Amino acid sequence: MQLLTQIPIKNLQKKAQNLYNILQSLPAPFYIACSGGLDSRFLAFFAQKMHLNITLLHVIGDHTDIKESNYLQTWAKNNNLSLKIFPISIFDIKAIGYNHKDRCYFCKKKTFEIMLAHINNASLCDGSHTDDKNTYRPGMRALQELNIHSPLAMANFSKNDIKQLATSIQLENPHQKAKPCLLTRFPYNTKIEKEKIQQIIEYETICEEFFLQNLSTTFDFRIRNIDNKLCLHYTTPLEETLINKLQTTLIKANLTPITLTQLSVLSGYFDN
């Protein structure tokens, strides 16, 4: 394919060829579970560029942020990609409702079972990559049990590889900020309440807009619920004047000021 020969980095060119071979080996049409994040969007965009017959699948529920779903719908429409959306309720599963340490396994299992049922057990892919093997990901077990394909991991793509190749093939927003599952914002063995999830979403939305307006670079952070109090975690230092300005912005939005804590590592806070 012409696109493959135009990739400037030889190592990525080889990986891209391998990825194409893997996707081409799947019976057509095949499906891609797409959250709206970079990894699954890249996989879908690459497959489309390779003229493969694909359909995107996406779930919505009380554990998801409607902004991400809206972004995915707009992106899929702009790129002429077929997208099917399924509503899902997961909090009736006790391990999820009480945020068990293996909640990701149970959530992935139910989510992908619903998707498979809708596509009559046709080939279904996800956006997992090699870096996912280096973190605590109990959901990977569910993918293995259900025979979900992970082409990026199979082709030995790292997160950095994805960003580089996404830029090369002109995927929109190739450095998209990671948006981990909202349930990771709560301690393990804590009852999850829909209102508290919406509270996290509300704070994150306002903070995202604030940092976008006041910083020249993308600012990575997490809003977490710790002992029923919200805390904004970040790694890049913030000036005191900016912190005060953020608190004022929250007050003007009729929200309670938030605790800010700088960490050395942002992800996996409750896994430590």
C-alpha atoms as a PDB file:
ATOM      1  CA  MET A   1       0.000   0.000   0.000  1.00  0.00           C
ATOM      2  CA  GLN A   2       1.265   3.484  -0.895  1.00  0.00           C
ATOM      3  CA  LEU A   3       0.608   4.863   2.597  1.00  0.00           C
ATOM      4  CA  LEU A   4       3.012   2.332   4.141  1.00  0.00           C
ATOM      5  CA  THR A   5       5.897   3.344   1.876  1.00  0.00           C
ATOM      6  CA  GLN A   6       5.376   7.008   2.810  1.00  0.00           C
ATOM      7  CA  ILE A   7       5.991   6.456   6.523  1.00  0.00           C
ATOM      8  CA  PRO A   8       9.352   8.186   7.177  1.00  0.00           C
ATOM      9  CA  ILE A   9      10.566   6.035  10.089  1.00  0.00           C
ATOM     10  CA  LYS A  10      11.705   2.582   8.924  1.00  0.00           C
ATOM     11  CA  ASN A  11      10.941   0.842  12.216  1.00  0.00           C
ATOM     12  CA  LEU A  12       7.390   2.239  12.175  1.00  0.00           C
ATOM     13  CA  GLN A  13       7.022   1.302   8.532  1.00  0.00           C
ATOM     14  CA  LYS A  14       7.711  -2.337   9.457  1.00  0.00           C
ATOM     15  CA  LYS A  15       5.271  -2.241  12.348  1.00  0.00           C
ATOM     16  CA  ALA A  16       2.621  -0.630  10.162  1.00  0.00           C
ATOM     17  CA  GLN A  17       3.050  -3.352   7.554  1.00  0.00           C
ATOM     18  CA  ASN A  18       2.720  -5.983  10.274  1.00  0.00           C
ATOM     19  CA  LEU A  19      -0.407  -4.258  11.615  1.00  0.00           C
ATOM     20  CA  TYR A  20      -1.927  -4.207   8.137  1.00  0.00           C
ATOM     21  CA  ASN A  21      -1.197  -7.924   7.675  1.00  0.00           C
ATOM     22  CA  ILE A  22      -2.870  -8.711  11.014  1.00  0.00           C
ATOM     23  CA  LEU A  23      -5.980  -6.654  10.211  1.00  0.00           C
ATOM     24  CA  GLN A  24      -6.200  -8.033   6.689  1.00  0.00           C
ATOM     25  CA  SER A  25      -6.223 -11.588   8.091  1.00  0.00           C
ATOM     26  CA  LEU A  26      -9.458 -10.902   9.994  1.00  0.00           C
ATOM     27  CA  PRO A  27     -12.704 -11.943   8.283  1.00  0.00           C
ATOM     28  CA  ALA A  28     -14.496  -8.908   6.810  1.00  0.00           C
ATOM     29  CA  PRO A  29     -16.306  -6.998   7.996  1.00  0.00           C
ATOM     30  CA  PHE A  30     -14.684  -6.777  11.414  1.00  0.00           C
ATOM     31  CA  TYR A  31     -15.443  -4.479  14.316  1.00  0.00           C
ATOM     32  CA  ILE A  32     -13.419  -2.182  16.558  1.00  0.00           C
ATOM     33  CA  ALA A  33     -14.449  -1.302  20.111  1.00  0.00           C
ATOM     34  CA  CYS A  34     -13.827   2.435  20.172  1.00  0.00           C
ATOM     35  CA  SER A  35     -13.857   4.559  23.318  1.00  0.00           C
ATOM     36  CA  GLY A  36     -13.020   7.795  21.533  1.00  0.00           C
ATOM     37  CA  GLY A  37      -9.478   7.771  22.907  1.00  0.00           C
ATOM     38  CA  LEU A  38      -6.333   7.905  20.801  1.00  0.00           C
ATOM     39  CA  ASP A  39      -5.516   4.182  20.629  1.00  0.00           C
ATOM     40  CA  SER A  40      -8.829   2.899  19.278  1.00  0.00           C
ATOM     41  CA  ARG A  41      -9.271   5.946  17.029  1.00  0.00           C
ATOM     42  CA  PHE A  42      -5.829   5.355  15.555  1.00  0.00           C
ATOM     43  CA  LEU A  43      -6.614   1.684  14.917  1.00  0.00           C
ATOM     44  CA  ALA A  44      -9.877   2.626  13.178  1.00  0.00           C
ATOM     45  CA  PHE A  45      -8.269   5.410  11.130  1.00  0.00           C
ATOM     46  CA  PHE A  46      -5.384   3.180  10.050  1.00  0.00           C
ATOM     47  CA  ALA A  47      -7.757   0.368   9.042  1.00  0.00           C
ATOM     48  CA  GLN A  48      -9.829   2.809   7.005  1.00  0.00           C
ATOM     49  CA  LYS A  49      -6.698   4.167   5.301  1.00  0.00           C
ATOM     50  CA  MET A  50      -5.884   0.580   4.360  1.00  0.00           C
ATOM     51  CA  HIS A  51      -9.352   0.287   2.754  1.00  0.00           C
ATOM     52  CA  LEU A  52     -10.533  -2.378   5.186  1.00  0.00           C
ATOM     53  CA  ASN A  53     -14.234  -2.877   5.906  1.00  0.00           C
ATOM     54  CA  ILE A  54     -14.776  -1.892   9.562  1.00  0.00           C
ATOM     55  CA  THR A  55     -17.513  -0.737  11.920  1.00  0.00           C
ATOM     56  CA  LEU A  56     -16.929   1.005  15.244  1.00  0.00           C
ATOM     57  CA  LEU A  57     -18.741  -0.047  18.424  1.00  0.00           C
ATOM     58  CA  HIS A  58     -19.153   2.229  21.441  1.00  0.00           C
ATOM     59  CA  VAL A  59     -20.989   1.942  24.766  1.00  0.00           C
ATOM     60  CA  ILE A  60     -22.543   4.644  26.902  1.00  0.00           C
ATOM     61  CA  GLY A  61     -23.694   4.471  30.514  1.00  0.00           C
ATOM     62  CA  ASP A  62     -23.565   6.095  33.919  1.00  0.00           C
ATOM     63  CA  HIS A  63     -19.839   5.302  34.092  1.00  0.00           C
ATOM     64  CA  THR A  64     -18.986   7.212  30.891  1.00  0.00           C
ATOM     65  CA  ASP A  65     -18.610  10.893  30.021  1.00  0.00           C
ATOM     66  CA  ILE A  66     -21.055  12.068  27.351  1.00  0.00           C
ATOM     67  CA  LYS A  67     -18.441  14.540  26.062  1.00  0.00           C
ATOM     68  CA  GLU A  68     -16.230  11.648  24.946  1.00  0.00           C
ATOM     69  CA  SER A  69     -19.157   9.972  23.189  1.00  0.00           C
ATOM     70  CA  ASN A  70     -20.095  13.212  21.436  1.00  0.00           C
ATOM     71  CA  TYR A  71     -16.490  13.707  20.338  1.00  0.00           C
ATOM     72  CA  LEU A  72     -16.360  10.172  18.924  1.00  0.00           C
ATOM     73  CA  GLN A  73     -19.661  10.588  17.060  1.00  0.00           C
ATOM     74  CA  THR A  74     -18.491  13.823  15.447  1.00  0.00           C
ATOM     75  CA  TRP A  75     -15.077  12.379  14.585  1.00  0.00           C
ATOM     76  CA  ALA A  76     -16.584   9.194  13.087  1.00  0.00           C
ATOM     77  CA  LYS A  77     -19.057  11.218  11.010  1.00  0.00           C
ATOM     78  CA  ASN A  78     -16.329  13.557   9.737  1.00  0.00           C
ATOM     79  CA  ASN A  79     -14.262  10.546   8.678  1.00  0.00           C
ATOM     80  CA  ASN A  80     -17.144   8.575   7.147  1.00  0.00           C
ATOM     81  CA  LEU A  81     -16.779   5.749   9.655  1.00  0.00           C
ATOM     82  CA  SER A  82     -19.746   3.602  10.613  1.00  0.00           C
ATOM     83  CA  LEU A  83     -20.461   3.769  14.356  1.00  0.00           C
ATOM     84  CA  LYS A  84     -22.934   1.793  16.477  1.00  0.00           C
ATOM     85  CA  ILE A  85     -23.666   2.867  20.060  1.00  0.00           C
ATOM     86  CA  PHE A  86     -25.077   0.628  22.776  1.00  0.00           C
ATOM     87  CA  PRO A  87     -26.372   1.711  26.197  1.00  0.00           C
ATOM     88  CA  ILE A  88     -25.044  -0.394  29.056  1.00  0.00           C
ATOM     89  CA  SER A  89     -25.688  -0.624  32.794  1.00  0.00           C
ATOM     90  CA  ILE A  90     -22.847  -2.063  34.848  1.00  0.00           C
ATOM     91  CA  PHE A  91     -23.541  -1.067  38.442  1.00  0.00           C
ATOM     92  CA  ASP A  92     -25.797  -4.064  39.041  1.00  0.00           C
ATOM     93  CA  ILE A  93     -22.571  -6.094  39.098  1.00  0.00           C
ATOM     94  CA  LYS A  94     -21.457  -5.983  42.734  1.00  0.00           C
ATOM     95  CA  ALA A  95     -17.719  -5.980  41.969  1.00  0.00           C
ATOM     96  CA  ILE A  96     -18.213  -2.849  39.877  1.00  0.00           C
ATOM     97  CA  GLY A  97     -20.760  -1.107  42.086  1.00  0.00           C
ATOM     98  CA  TYR A  98     -18.360  -1.390  45.024  1.00  0.00           C
ATOM     99  CA  ASN A  99     -15.218  -0.688  42.991  1.00  0.00           C
ATOM    100  CA  HIS A 100     -13.495  -4.007  43.592  1.00  0.00           C
ATOM    101  CA  LYS A 101      -9.836  -4.101  42.592  1.00  0.00           C
ATOM    102  CA  ASP A 102     -10.753  -6.413  39.689  1.00  0.00           C
ATOM    103  CA  ARG A 103     -13.726  -4.264  38.596  1.00  0.00           C
ATOM    104  CA  CYS A 104     -12.099  -3.711  35.199  1.00  0.00           C
ATOM    105  CA  TYR A 105     -12.318  -7.446  34.492  1.00  0.00           C
ATOM    106  CA  PHE A 106     -16.049  -7.572  35.201  1.00  0.00           C
ATOM    107  CA  CYS A 107     -16.717  -4.340  33.299  1.00  0.00           C
ATOM    108  CA  LYS A 108     -14.767  -5.450  30.218  1.00  0.00           C
ATOM    109  CA  LYS A 109     -16.404  -8.875  30.335  1.00  0.00           C
ATOM    110  CA  LYS A 110     -19.948  -7.474  30.302  1.00  0.00           C
ATOM    111  CA  THR A 111     -19.150  -4.710  27.811  1.00  0.00           C
ATOM    112  CA  PHE A 112     -17.556  -6.985  25.249  1.00  0.00           C
ATOM    113  CA  GLU A 113     -20.164  -9.713  25.739  1.00  0.00           C
ATOM    114  CA  ILE A 114     -22.844  -7.179  24.813  1.00  0.00           C
ATOM    115  CA  MET A 115     -20.870  -6.062  21.767  1.00  0.00           C
ATOM    116  CA  LEU A 116     -20.264  -9.641  20.623  1.00  0.00           C
ATOM    117  CA  ALA A 117     -23.962 -10.454  20.972  1.00  0.00           C
ATOM    118  CA  HIS A 118     -24.858  -7.537  18.703  1.00  0.00           C
ATOM    119  CA  ILE A 119     -22.405  -8.607  15.995  1.00  0.00           C
ATOM    120  CA  ASN A 120     -23.143 -12.338  16.180  1.00  0.00           C
ATOM    121  CA  ASN A 121     -19.647 -13.096  17.502  1.00  0.00           C
ATOM    122  CA  ALA A 122     -17.864 -11.669  14.460  1.00  0.00           C
ATOM    123  CA  SER A 123     -14.244 -10.554  14.844  1.00  0.00           C
ATOM    124  CA  LEU A 124     -13.932  -7.769  17.419  1.00  0.00           C
ATOM    125  CA  CYS A 125     -10.786  -5.714  18.089  1.00  0.00           C
ATOM    126  CA  ASP A 126      -9.727  -3.315  20.817  1.00  0.00           C
ATOM    127  CA  GLY A 127      -6.991  -0.689  21.086  1.00  0.00           C
ATOM    128  CA  SER A 128      -4.716  -2.353  23.661  1.00  0.00           C
ATOM    129  CA  HIS A 129      -0.985  -1.917  22.988  1.00  0.00           C
ATOM    130  CA  THR A 130       2.287  -3.205  24.434  1.00  0.00           C
ATOM    131  CA  ASP A 131       2.525  -0.590  27.209  1.00  0.00           C
ATOM    132  CA  ASP A 132      -0.714  -1.946  28.690  1.00  0.00           C
ATOM    133  CA  LYS A 133       1.199  -5.063  29.725  1.00  0.00           C
ATOM    134  CA  ASN A 134       3.326  -2.986  32.110  1.00  0.00           C
ATOM    135  CA  THR A 135       0.454  -1.687  34.253  1.00  0.00           C
ATOM    136  CA  TYR A 136      -2.236  -3.287  36.395  1.00  0.00           C
ATOM    137  CA  ARG A 137      -4.938  -4.169  33.838  1.00  0.00           C
ATOM    138  CA  PRO A 138      -7.282  -6.928  35.067  1.00  0.00           C
ATOM    139  CA  GLY A 139      -9.508  -6.247  32.066  1.00  0.00           C
ATOM    140  CA  MET A 140      -6.938  -7.880  29.801  1.00  0.00           C
ATOM    141  CA  ARG A 141      -8.013 -11.263  31.182  1.00  0.00           C
ATOM    142  CA  ALA A 142     -11.574 -10.648  29.977  1.00  0.00           C
ATOM    143  CA  LEU A 143     -10.302  -9.839  26.489  1.00  0.00           C
ATOM    144  CA  GLN A 144      -8.384 -13.113  26.381  1.00  0.00           C
ATOM    145  CA  GLU A 145     -11.360 -15.136  27.613  1.00  0.00           C
ATOM    146  CA  LEU A 146     -13.635 -13.639  24.945  1.00  0.00           C
ATOM    147  CA  ASN A 147     -11.049 -13.947  22.160  1.00  0.00           C
ATOM    148  CA  ILE A 148     -10.940 -10.214  21.496  1.00  0.00           C
ATOM    149  CA  HIS A 149      -8.209  -9.252  19.044  1.00  0.00           C
ATOM    150  CA  SER A 150      -5.635  -6.625  20.050  1.00  0.00           C
ATOM    151  CA  PRO A 151      -3.885  -5.844  16.732  1.00  0.00           C
ATOM    152  CA  LEU A 152      -1.748  -3.008  18.108  1.00  0.00           C
ATOM    153  CA  ALA A 153      -0.286  -5.227  20.816  1.00  0.00           C
ATOM    154  CA  MET A 154       0.152  -8.061  18.307  1.00  0.00           C
ATOM    155  CA  ALA A 155       2.079  -5.703  16.014  1.00  0.00           C
ATOM    156  CA  ASN A 156       4.220  -4.567  18.982  1.00  0.00           C
ATOM    157  CA  PHE A 157       2.955  -0.964  18.993  1.00  0.00           C
ATOM    158  CA  SER A 158       3.815   1.150  22.037  1.00  0.00           C
ATOM    159  CA  LYS A 159       1.947   4.313  22.987  1.00  0.00           C
ATOM    160  CA  ASN A 160       4.759   6.386  21.530  1.00  0.00           C
ATOM    161  CA  ASP A 161       4.601   4.398  18.269  1.00  0.00           C
ATOM    162  CA  ILE A 162       0.884   5.162  18.053  1.00  0.00           C
ATOM    163  CA  LYS A 163       1.451   8.901  18.540  1.00  0.00           C
ATOM    164  CA  GLN A 164       4.235   8.976  15.958  1.00  0.00           C
ATOM    165  CA  LEU A 165       2.360   7.026  13.305  1.00  0.00           C
ATOM    166  CA  ALA A 166      -0.899   8.872  14.044  1.00  0.00           C
ATOM    167  CA  THR A 167       0.936  12.120  13.315  1.00  0.00           C
ATOM    168  CA  SER A 168       2.470  10.669  10.149  1.00  0.00           C
ATOM    169  CA  ILE A 169      -0.866   9.534   8.679  1.00  0.00           C
ATOM    170  CA  GLN A 170      -2.545  12.804   9.762  1.00  0.00           C
ATOM    171  CA  LEU A 171      -4.972  11.497  12.347  1.00  0.00           C
ATOM    172  CA  GLU A 172      -6.828  14.330  14.057  1.00  0.00           C
ATOM    173  CA  ASN A 173      -5.516  15.115  17.565  1.00  0.00           C
ATOM    174  CA  PRO A 174      -2.587  12.629  17.520  1.00  0.00           C
ATOM    175  CA  HIS A 175      -1.427  13.697  20.993  1.00  0.00           C
ATOM    176  CA  GLN A 176      -4.842  13.342  22.574  1.00  0.00           C
ATOM    177  CA  LYS A 177      -4.684  13.355  26.359  1.00  0.00           C
ATOM    178  CA  ALA A 178      -5.462  10.042  28.057  1.00  0.00           C
ATOM    179  CA  LYS A 179      -8.883   9.802  29.742  1.00  0.00           C
ATOM    180  CA  PRO A 180      -8.830   6.811  32.087  1.00  0.00           C
ATOM    181  CA  CYS A 181     -12.098   5.250  33.226  1.00  0.00           C
ATOM    182  CA  LEU A 182     -13.992   7.436  35.680  1.00  0.00           C
ATOM    183  CA  LEU A 183     -14.111   4.593  38.202  1.00  0.00           C
ATOM    184  CA  THR A 184     -10.338   4.949  38.638  1.00  0.00           C
ATOM    185  CA  ARG A 185     -11.023   8.283  40.345  1.00  0.00           C
ATOM    186  CA  PHE A 186     -12.367   6.470  43.420  1.00  0.00           C
ATOM    187  CA  PRO A 187     -10.638   4.279  46.040  1.00  0.00           C
ATOM    188  CA  TYR A 188     -11.098   0.536  45.788  1.00  0.00           C
ATOM    189  CA  ASN A 189     -13.877  -1.058  47.853  1.00  0.00           C
ATOM    190  CA  THR A 190     -15.949   2.122  47.779  1.00  0.00           C
ATOM    191  CA  LYS A 191     -19.588   2.253  46.757  1.00  0.00           C
ATOM    192  CA  ILE A 192     -19.861   4.128  43.455  1.00  0.00           C
ATOM    193  CA  GLU A 193     -22.683   6.645  43.273  1.00  0.00           C
ATOM    194  CA  LYS A 194     -23.823   8.146  39.970  1.00  0.00           C
ATOM    195  CA  GLU A 195     -24.011  11.633  41.497  1.00  0.00           C
ATOM    196  CA  LYS A 196     -20.349  11.466  42.525  1.00  0.00           C
ATOM    197  CA  ILE A 197     -19.334  10.410  39.012  1.00  0.00           C
ATOM    198  CA  GLN A 198     -21.209  13.390  37.589  1.00  0.00           C
ATOM    199  CA  GLN A 199     -19.461  15.612  40.131  1.00  0.00           C
ATOM    200  CA  ILE A 200     -16.066  14.400  38.884  1.00  0.00           C
ATOM    201  CA  ILE A 201     -17.139  15.076  35.289  1.00  0.00           C
ATOM    202  CA  GLU A 202     -18.357  18.580  36.164  1.00  0.00           C
ATOM    203  CA  TYR A 203     -15.104  19.526  37.889  1.00  0.00           C
ATOM    204  CA  GLU A 204     -12.923  18.006  35.161  1.00  0.00           C
ATOM    205  CA  THR A 205     -14.855  19.863  32.459  1.00  0.00           C
ATOM    206  CA  ILE A 206     -14.367  23.240  34.124  1.00  0.00           C
ATOM    207  CA  CYS A 207     -10.713  22.534  34.954  1.00  0.00           C
ATOM    208  CA  GLU A 208      -9.987  21.389  31.387  1.00  0.00           C
ATOM    209  CA  GLU A 209     -11.450  24.605  30.015  1.00  0.00           C
ATOM    210  CA  PHE A 210      -9.513  26.658  32.573  1.00  0.00           C
ATOM    211  CA  PHE A 211      -6.137  25.086  31.778  1.00  0.00           C
ATOM    212  CA  LEU A 212      -6.824  25.312  28.046  1.00  0.00           C
ATOM    213  CA  GLN A 213      -7.430  29.043  28.369  1.00  0.00           C
ATOM    214  CA  ASN A 214      -4.576  29.808  30.779  1.00  0.00           C
ATOM    215  CA  LEU A 215      -1.730  27.541  29.656  1.00  0.00           C
ATOM    216  CA  SER A 216      -0.064  27.338  26.260  1.00  0.00           C
ATOM    217  CA  THR A 217       0.426  23.565  26.544  1.00  0.00           C
ATOM    218  CA  THR A 218      -1.872  20.653  27.352  1.00  0.00           C
ATOM    219  CA  PHE A 219      -2.036  20.178  31.103  1.00  0.00           C
ATOM    220  CA  ASP A 220      -2.528  16.651  32.388  1.00  0.00           C
ATOM    221  CA  PHE A 221      -4.412  16.158  35.647  1.00  0.00           C
ATOM    222  CA  ARG A 222      -6.946  13.932  37.425  1.00  0.00           C
ATOM    223  CA  ILE A 223      -9.828  14.812  39.711  1.00  0.00           C
ATOM    224  CA  ARG A 224     -10.096  12.106  42.367  1.00  0.00           C
ATOM    225  CA  ASN A 225     -12.520  11.451  45.201  1.00  0.00           C
ATOM    226  CA  ILE A 226     -10.545  10.740  48.380  1.00  0.00           C
ATOM    227  CA  ASP A 227     -12.483  10.311  51.633  1.00  0.00           C
ATOM    228  CA  ASN A 228     -15.470  11.982  49.931  1.00  0.00           C
ATOM    229  CA  LYS A 229     -13.397  15.071  49.159  1.00  0.00           C
ATOM    230  CA  LEU A 230     -12.291  16.059  45.680  1.00  0.00           C
ATOM    231  CA  CYS A 231      -8.603  16.464  44.940  1.00  0.00           C
ATOM    232  CA  LEU A 232      -6.896  17.645  41.764  1.00  0.00           C
ATOM    233  CA  HIS A 233      -3.681  15.690  41.134  1.00  0.00           C
ATOM    234  CA  TYR A 234      -1.023  16.926  38.728  1.00  0.00           C
ATOM    235  CA  THR A 235       2.696  16.479  38.035  1.00  0.00           C
ATOM    236  CA  THR A 236       3.793  19.686  36.248  1.00  0.00           C
ATOM    237  CA  PRO A 237       4.317  22.545  38.744  1.00  0.00           C
ATOM    238  CA  LEU A 238       1.667  25.263  38.905  1.00  0.00           C
ATOM    239  CA  GLU A 239       2.221  28.851  39.988  1.00  0.00           C
ATOM    240  CA  GLU A 240       0.377  29.960  43.099  1.00  0.00           C
ATOM    241  CA  THR A 241      -1.350  32.754  41.181  1.00  0.00           C
ATOM    242  CA  LEU A 242      -2.767  30.236  38.697  1.00  0.00           C
ATOM    243  CA  ILE A 243      -3.989  27.975  41.503  1.00  0.00           C
ATOM    244  CA  ASN A 244      -5.766  30.912  43.120  1.00  0.00           C
ATOM    245  CA  LYS A 245      -7.303  31.853  39.782  1.00  0.00           C
ATOM    246  CA  LEU A 246      -8.583  28.279  39.347  1.00  0.00           C
ATOM    247  CA  GLN A 247     -10.202  28.330  42.789  1.00  0.00           C
ATOM    248  CA  THR A 248     -11.900  31.610  41.927  1.00  0.00           C
ATOM    249  CA  THR A 249     -13.179  30.085  38.676  1.00  0.00           C
ATOM    250  CA  LEU A 250     -14.677  27.152  40.598  1.00  0.00           C
ATOM    251  CA  ILE A 251     -16.372  29.486  43.086  1.00  0.00           C
ATOM    252  CA  LYS A 252     -17.874  31.515  40.231  1.00  0.00           C
ATOM    253  CA  ALA A 253     -19.263  28.235  38.862  1.00  0.00           C
ATOM    254  CA  ASN A 254     -20.925  27.619  42.263  1.00  0.00           C
ATOM    255  CA  LEU A 255     -18.486  24.803  43.016  1.00  0.00           C
ATOM    256  CA  THR A 256     -16.511  24.241  46.198  1.00  0.00           C
ATOM    257  CA  PRO A 257     -12.760  25.021  45.977  1.00  0.00           C
ATOM    258  CA  ILE A 258     -10.673  21.900  45.514  1.00  0.00           C
ATOM    259  CA  THR A 259      -7.513  20.494  47.103  1.00  0.00           C
ATOM    260  CA  LEU A 260      -4.539  20.482  44.699  1.00  0.00           C
ATOM    261  CA  THR A 261      -1.681  18.015  45.168  1.00  0.00           C
ATOM    262  CA  GLN A 262       1.416  17.657  43.000  1.00  0.00           C
ATOM    263  CA  LEU A 263       2.520  14.038  42.454  1.00  0.00           C
ATOM    264  CA  SER A 264       5.626  12.524  40.906  1.00  0.00           C
ATOM    265  CA  VAL A 265       3.466  10.066  38.887  1.00  0.00           C
ATOM    266  CA  LEU A 266      -0.090  10.805  37.848  1.00  0.00           C
ATOM    267  CA  SER A 267      -1.546   7.420  36.903  1.00  0.00           C
ATOM    268  CA  GLY A 268      -2.267   4.426  39.116  1.00  0.00           C
ATOM    269  CA  TYR A 269      -2.778   6.454  42.302  1.00  0.00           C
ATOM    270  CA  PHE A 270      -5.029   3.913  44.029  1.00  0.00           C
ATOM    271  CA  ASP A 271      -2.878   0.979  42.871  1.00  0.00           C
ATOM    272  CA  ASN A 272       0.065   2.104  45.012  1.00  0.00           C
END
